[in-house]
Amino acid sequence: MDYNLKINDMRKLTVSSSMDGSYSMSNVITHVDYTICCTGSNNATSSYHLETSACNVGTVESSSFIGYNDLTEGIVKSWITGSSDWSEKLSNAEAQLSSSMWPEESNGLPW
């Protein structure tokens, strides 16, 4: 199975200040909306599963702040894949794809 991560949208604060007021930053990203697209094949049949989600970026320290105009798709994707729930979200998307490619079968009679 393979996956592709697509950034759909981002939310930002125009100005964000530190709790003690010692610094402020402009255009701070707070949320990233994205889609995980999983693809795979079973025999000659290809399947895909799309799962849309959001990543709460959280607080940012001034020392690690990246200006809005300096952001790249790779940087934003690294925030998503480095988030604490990334493994779970990817695993869920892969499980959904897997169940569509290899449906659960069982034996038995209806009587």
Protein backbone atom coordinates (compact mmCIF):
# COMPACT_ATOMS: atom_id res chain seq x y z
CA MET A 1 0.00 0.00 0.00
CA ASP A 2 1.07 3.53 -0.71
CA TYR A 3 -0.21 6.84 0.58
CA ASN A 4 -0.13 10.43 -0.57
CA LEU A 5 -0.73 13.39 1.70
CA LYS A 6 -2.59 16.38 0.22
CA ILE A 7 -2.81 19.72 2.02
CA ASN A 8 -6.32 21.12 1.51
CA ASP A 9 -6.27 24.32 3.57
CA MET A 10 -4.62 26.07 6.51
CA ARG A 11 -5.96 28.41 9.18
CA LYS A 12 -3.80 31.18 10.57
CA LEU A 13 -3.87 33.89 13.19
CA THR A 14 -2.98 37.33 11.87
CA VAL A 15 -1.07 38.11 15.08
CA SER A 16 -0.12 35.78 17.93
CA SER A 17 1.57 37.07 21.09
CA SER A 18 3.41 35.22 23.83
CA MET A 19 1.67 34.82 27.19
CA ASP A 20 3.99 37.36 28.81
CA GLY A 21 3.77 39.79 25.87
CA SER A 22 7.51 39.65 25.23
CA TYR A 23 7.09 38.85 21.53
CA SER A 24 4.48 38.57 18.81
CA MET A 25 4.43 36.76 15.48
CA SER A 26 2.41 37.39 12.32
CA ASN A 27 0.45 34.88 10.23
CA VAL A 28 0.79 31.92 12.61
CA ILE A 29 -0.64 28.64 11.29
CA THR A 30 -2.98 27.02 13.83
CA HIS A 31 -4.66 24.21 11.84
CA VAL A 32 -3.91 22.25 8.70
CA ASP A 33 -6.71 20.41 6.87
CA TYR A 34 -5.45 17.49 4.80
CA THR A 35 -6.42 14.29 3.01
CA ILE A 36 -4.67 10.93 3.18
CA CYS A 37 -5.05 9.05 -0.10
CA CYS A 38 -4.16 5.35 0.24
CA THR A 39 -3.80 3.20 -2.86
CA GLY A 40 -3.22 -0.49 -3.30
CA SER A 41 -4.05 -3.44 -5.50
CA ASN A 42 -5.21 -7.01 -5.08
CA ASN A 43 -4.65 -9.20 -8.12
CA ALA A 44 -5.51 -6.91 -11.06
CA THR A 45 -7.90 -4.70 -9.07
CA SER A 46 -6.72 -1.34 -7.78
CA SER A 47 -8.41 0.44 -4.87
CA TYR A 48 -8.08 3.70 -3.07
CA HIS A 49 -9.37 5.29 0.12
CA LEU A 50 -9.51 8.99 0.95
CA GLU A 51 -9.57 10.15 4.56
CA THR A 52 -9.86 13.84 5.39
CA SER A 53 -8.54 15.08 8.70
CA ALA A 54 -7.12 18.10 10.51
CA CYS A 55 -3.92 18.73 12.39
CA ASN A 56 -3.88 21.19 15.29
CA VAL A 57 -0.44 22.76 15.07
CA GLY A 58 -0.44 23.93 18.70
CA THR A 59 1.75 26.61 20.17
CA VAL A 60 4.97 27.64 18.53
CA GLU A 61 8.07 29.07 20.14
CA SER A 62 9.59 32.16 18.59
CA SER A 63 12.89 30.29 18.17
CA SER A 64 11.30 27.68 15.86
CA PHE A 65 8.81 29.96 14.10
CA ILE A 66 8.85 29.81 10.30
CA GLY A 67 7.42 32.85 8.53
CA TYR A 68 4.27 32.25 6.51
CA ASN A 69 5.93 33.21 3.23
CA ASP A 70 8.81 30.82 3.98
CA LEU A 71 6.57 27.77 4.45
CA THR A 72 6.81 24.96 1.92
CA GLU A 73 4.55 21.99 1.34
CA GLY A 74 7.29 19.76 2.75
CA ILE A 75 7.49 21.72 6.02
CA VAL A 76 3.72 21.60 6.53
CA LYS A 77 3.62 17.87 5.71
CA SER A 78 6.35 17.28 8.30
CA TRP A 79 4.13 18.92 10.93
CA ILE A 80 1.35 16.47 10.07
CA THR A 81 3.51 13.34 9.93
CA GLY A 82 5.28 14.42 13.13
CA SER A 83 2.04 14.92 15.06
CA SER A 84 1.19 12.60 17.94
CA ASP A 85 -1.85 11.08 16.18
CA TRP A 86 -0.35 10.65 12.69
CA SER A 87 0.37 6.92 13.06
CA GLU A 88 -3.19 6.24 14.17
CA LYS A 89 -4.72 8.26 11.32
CA LEU A 90 -2.55 6.57 8.69
CA SER A 91 -3.27 3.15 10.18
CA ASN A 92 -7.03 3.82 10.08
CA ALA A 93 -6.86 4.90 6.42
CA GLU A 94 -4.82 1.81 5.51
CA ALA A 95 -7.27 -0.44 7.39
CA GLN A 96 -10.21 1.04 5.46
CA LEU A 97 -8.41 0.42 2.17
CA SER A 98 -7.48 -3.09 3.21
CA SER A 99 -11.06 -4.01 4.09
CA SER A 100 -12.26 -2.82 0.67
CA MET A 101 -9.54 -4.80 -1.13
CA TRP A 102 -9.90 -7.98 0.94
CA PRO A 103 -13.49 -8.16 2.19
CA GLU A 104 -14.06 -10.31 5.25
CA GLU A 105 -15.37 -13.76 4.36
CA SER A 106 -16.98 -16.41 6.48
CA ASN A 107 -18.41 -19.88 6.05
CA GLY A 108 -21.77 -21.19 7.16
CA LEU A 109 -25.32 -21.91 6.21
CA PRO A 110 -28.25 -19.58 6.82
CA TRP A 111 -30.31 -22.33 8.54
